[in-house]
C-alpha atoms as a PDB file:
ATOM      1  CA  UNK A   1      14.807 -17.034  34.780  1.00  0.00           C
ATOM      2  CA  UNK A   2      17.955 -17.126  32.201  1.00  0.00           C
ATOM      3  CA  UNK A   3      15.471 -17.042  29.479  1.00  0.00           C
ATOM      4  CA  UNK A   4      13.803 -13.820  31.093  1.00  0.00           C
ATOM      5  CA  UNK A   5      17.468 -12.118  31.420  1.00  0.00           C
ATOM      6  CA  UNK A   6      18.014 -12.976  27.649  1.00  0.00           C
ATOM      7  CA  UNK A   7      14.930 -11.472  26.066  1.00  0.00           C
ATOM      8  CA  UNK A   8      14.893  -8.089  28.442  1.00  0.00           C
ATOM      9  CA  UNK A   9      18.884  -7.886  27.186  1.00  0.00           C
ATOM     10  CA  UNK A  10      17.809  -8.391  23.680  1.00  0.00           C
ATOM     11  CA  UNK A  11      15.150  -6.260  23.620  1.00  0.00           C
ATOM     12  CA  UNK A  12      16.967  -3.009  25.268  1.00  0.00           C
ATOM     13  CA  UNK A  13      19.307  -3.778  22.426  1.00  0.00           C
ATOM     14  CA  UNK A  14      17.140  -3.623  19.556  1.00  0.00           C
ATOM     15  CA  UNK A  15      15.777  -0.611  20.839  1.00  0.00           C
ATOM     16  CA  UNK A  16      18.578   1.087  21.310  1.00  0.00           C
ATOM     17  CA  UNK A  17      19.252   0.373  17.445  1.00  0.00           C
ATOM     18  CA  UNK A  18      16.126   1.506  16.629  1.00  0.00           C
ATOM     19  CA  UNK A  19      16.206   4.457  18.474  1.00  0.00           C
ATOM     20  CA  UNK A  20      19.517   5.502  17.368  1.00  0.00           C
ATOM     21  CA  UNK A  21      18.436   4.848  13.731  1.00  0.00           C
ATOM     22  CA  UNK A  22      15.345   7.114  14.395  1.00  0.00           C
ATOM     23  CA  UNK A  23      17.165  10.176  15.771  1.00  0.00           C
ATOM     24  CA  UNK A  24      19.581  10.386  13.139  1.00  0.00           C
ATOM     25  CA  UNK A  25      19.281  13.061  10.404  1.00  0.00           C
ATOM     26  CA  UNK A  26      17.591  11.876   7.543  1.00  0.00           C
ATOM     27  CA  UNK A  27      17.554  13.060   3.723  1.00  0.00           C
ATOM     28  CA  UNK A  28      13.982  14.359   2.806  1.00  0.00           C
ATOM     29  CA  UNK A  29      12.516  11.738   1.267  1.00  0.00           C
ATOM     30  CA  UNK A  30       8.777  11.717  -0.025  1.00  0.00           C
ATOM     31  CA  UNK A  31       6.457   9.468   2.342  1.00  0.00           C
ATOM     32  CA  UNK A  32       6.119   6.556  -0.504  1.00  0.00           C
ATOM     33  CA  UNK A  33       9.719   6.916  -2.237  1.00  0.00           C
ATOM     34  CA  UNK A  34      12.149   4.491  -2.112  1.00  0.00           C
ATOM     35  CA  UNK A  35      15.420   5.049  -3.602  1.00  0.00           C
ATOM     36  CA  UNK A  36      17.708   2.987  -3.043  1.00  0.00           C
ATOM     37  CA  UNK A  37      20.695   5.057  -4.446  1.00  0.00           C
ATOM     38  CA  UNK A  38      20.288   7.988  -2.247  1.00  0.00           C
ATOM     39  CA  UNK A  39      19.148   5.595   0.817  1.00  0.00           C
ATOM     40  CA  UNK A  40      21.196   6.464   4.157  1.00  0.00           C
ATOM     41  CA  UNK A  41      22.905   2.683   4.724  1.00  0.00           C
ATOM     42  CA  UNK A  42      23.729   3.078   8.396  1.00  0.00           C
ATOM     43  CA  UNK A  43      20.151   4.097   9.150  1.00  0.00           C
ATOM     44  CA  UNK A  44      19.400   1.029   7.004  1.00  0.00           C
ATOM     45  CA  UNK A  45      22.125  -1.492   8.976  1.00  0.00           C
ATOM     46  CA  UNK A  46      20.674   0.195  12.507  1.00  0.00           C
ATOM     47  CA  UNK A  47      17.468  -0.861  12.036  1.00  0.00           C
ATOM     48  CA  UNK A  48      18.096  -4.081  10.476  1.00  0.00           C
ATOM     49  CA  UNK A  49      20.462  -4.745  13.313  1.00  0.00           C
ATOM     50  CA  UNK A  50      17.274  -3.014  15.939  1.00  0.00           C
ATOM     51  CA  UNK A  51      14.874  -5.702  14.335  1.00  0.00           C
ATOM     52  CA  UNK A  52      17.596  -8.882  14.310  1.00  0.00           C
ATOM     53  CA  UNK A  53      17.580  -8.111  17.979  1.00  0.00           C
ATOM     54  CA  UNK A  54      13.825  -7.769  18.778  1.00  0.00           C
ATOM     55  CA  UNK A  55      12.875 -10.884  16.663  1.00  0.00           C
ATOM     56  CA  UNK A  56      15.968 -12.813  18.504  1.00  0.00           C
ATOM     57  CA  UNK A  57      13.908 -11.349  21.787  1.00  0.00           C
ATOM     58  CA  UNK A  58      10.507 -12.736  20.535  1.00  0.00           C
ATOM     59  CA  UNK A  59      12.099 -15.947  19.542  1.00  0.00           C
ATOM     60  CA  UNK A  60      13.245 -16.513  23.057  1.00  0.00           C
ATOM     61  CA  UNK A  61      10.120 -15.542  24.280  1.00  0.00           C
ATOM     62  CA  UNK A  62       7.371 -16.100  21.665  1.00  0.00           C
ATOM     63  CA  UNK A  63       4.638 -15.382  24.367  1.00  0.00           C
ATOM     64  CA  UNK A  64       5.544 -12.032  24.504  1.00  0.00           C
ATOM     65  CA  UNK A  65       4.490 -11.384  21.363  1.00  0.00           C
ATOM     66  CA  UNK A  66       1.227 -10.245  23.012  1.00  0.00           C
ATOM     67  CA  UNK A  67       2.087  -7.002  24.249  1.00  0.00           C
ATOM     68  CA  UNK A  68       4.945  -6.114  22.407  1.00  0.00           C
ATOM     69  CA  UNK A  69       3.700  -6.384  18.764  1.00  0.00           C
ATOM     70  CA  UNK A  70       0.740  -3.423  19.788  1.00  0.00           C
ATOM     71  CA  UNK A  71       3.165  -1.442  21.584  1.00  0.00           C
ATOM     72  CA  UNK A  72       6.158  -1.478  19.010  1.00  0.00           C
ATOM     73  CA  UNK A  73       2.978  -0.764  16.389  1.00  0.00           C
ATOM     74  CA  UNK A  74       1.669   2.120  18.391  1.00  0.00           C
ATOM     75  CA  UNK A  75       5.378   3.452  18.679  1.00  0.00           C
ATOM     76  CA  UNK A  76       5.815   3.596  15.209  1.00  0.00           C
ATOM     77  CA  UNK A  77       2.409   5.359  14.342  1.00  0.00           C
ATOM     78  CA  UNK A  78       3.730   8.169  16.896  1.00  0.00           C
ATOM     79  CA  UNK A  79       6.923   8.233  14.871  1.00  0.00           C
ATOM     80  CA  UNK A  80       5.922   7.583  11.312  1.00  0.00           C
ATOM     81  CA  UNK A  81       6.564  11.123  10.249  1.00  0.00           C
ATOM     82  CA  UNK A  82       9.951  10.811  11.287  1.00  0.00           C
ATOM     83  CA  UNK A  83      10.573   7.174  10.442  1.00  0.00           C
ATOM     84  CA  UNK A  84       8.696   6.871   7.192  1.00  0.00           C
ATOM     85  CA  UNK A  85       6.498   4.201   5.777  1.00  0.00           C
ATOM     86  CA  UNK A  86       9.521   1.752   4.874  1.00  0.00           C
ATOM     87  CA  UNK A  87      12.387   3.704   6.697  1.00  0.00           C
END
């Protein structure tokens, strides 16, 4: 049961960082515009931490990618205006 606890803990921590990055105020960029000198580095760091923790959760239990990947993709589609294409 230890891998289940680790999976859920890493997933919750990763989702926390992703939600924190999504709810912060963002600069107005166009949809596909990617300029590193105007990039908000705190949002980039929060998103990277969220990705690392969700990736760690998927490494812990690889069988959960069957339901977790579509759920994360659907959540991204619903929030694409807020998050942008590449964050």
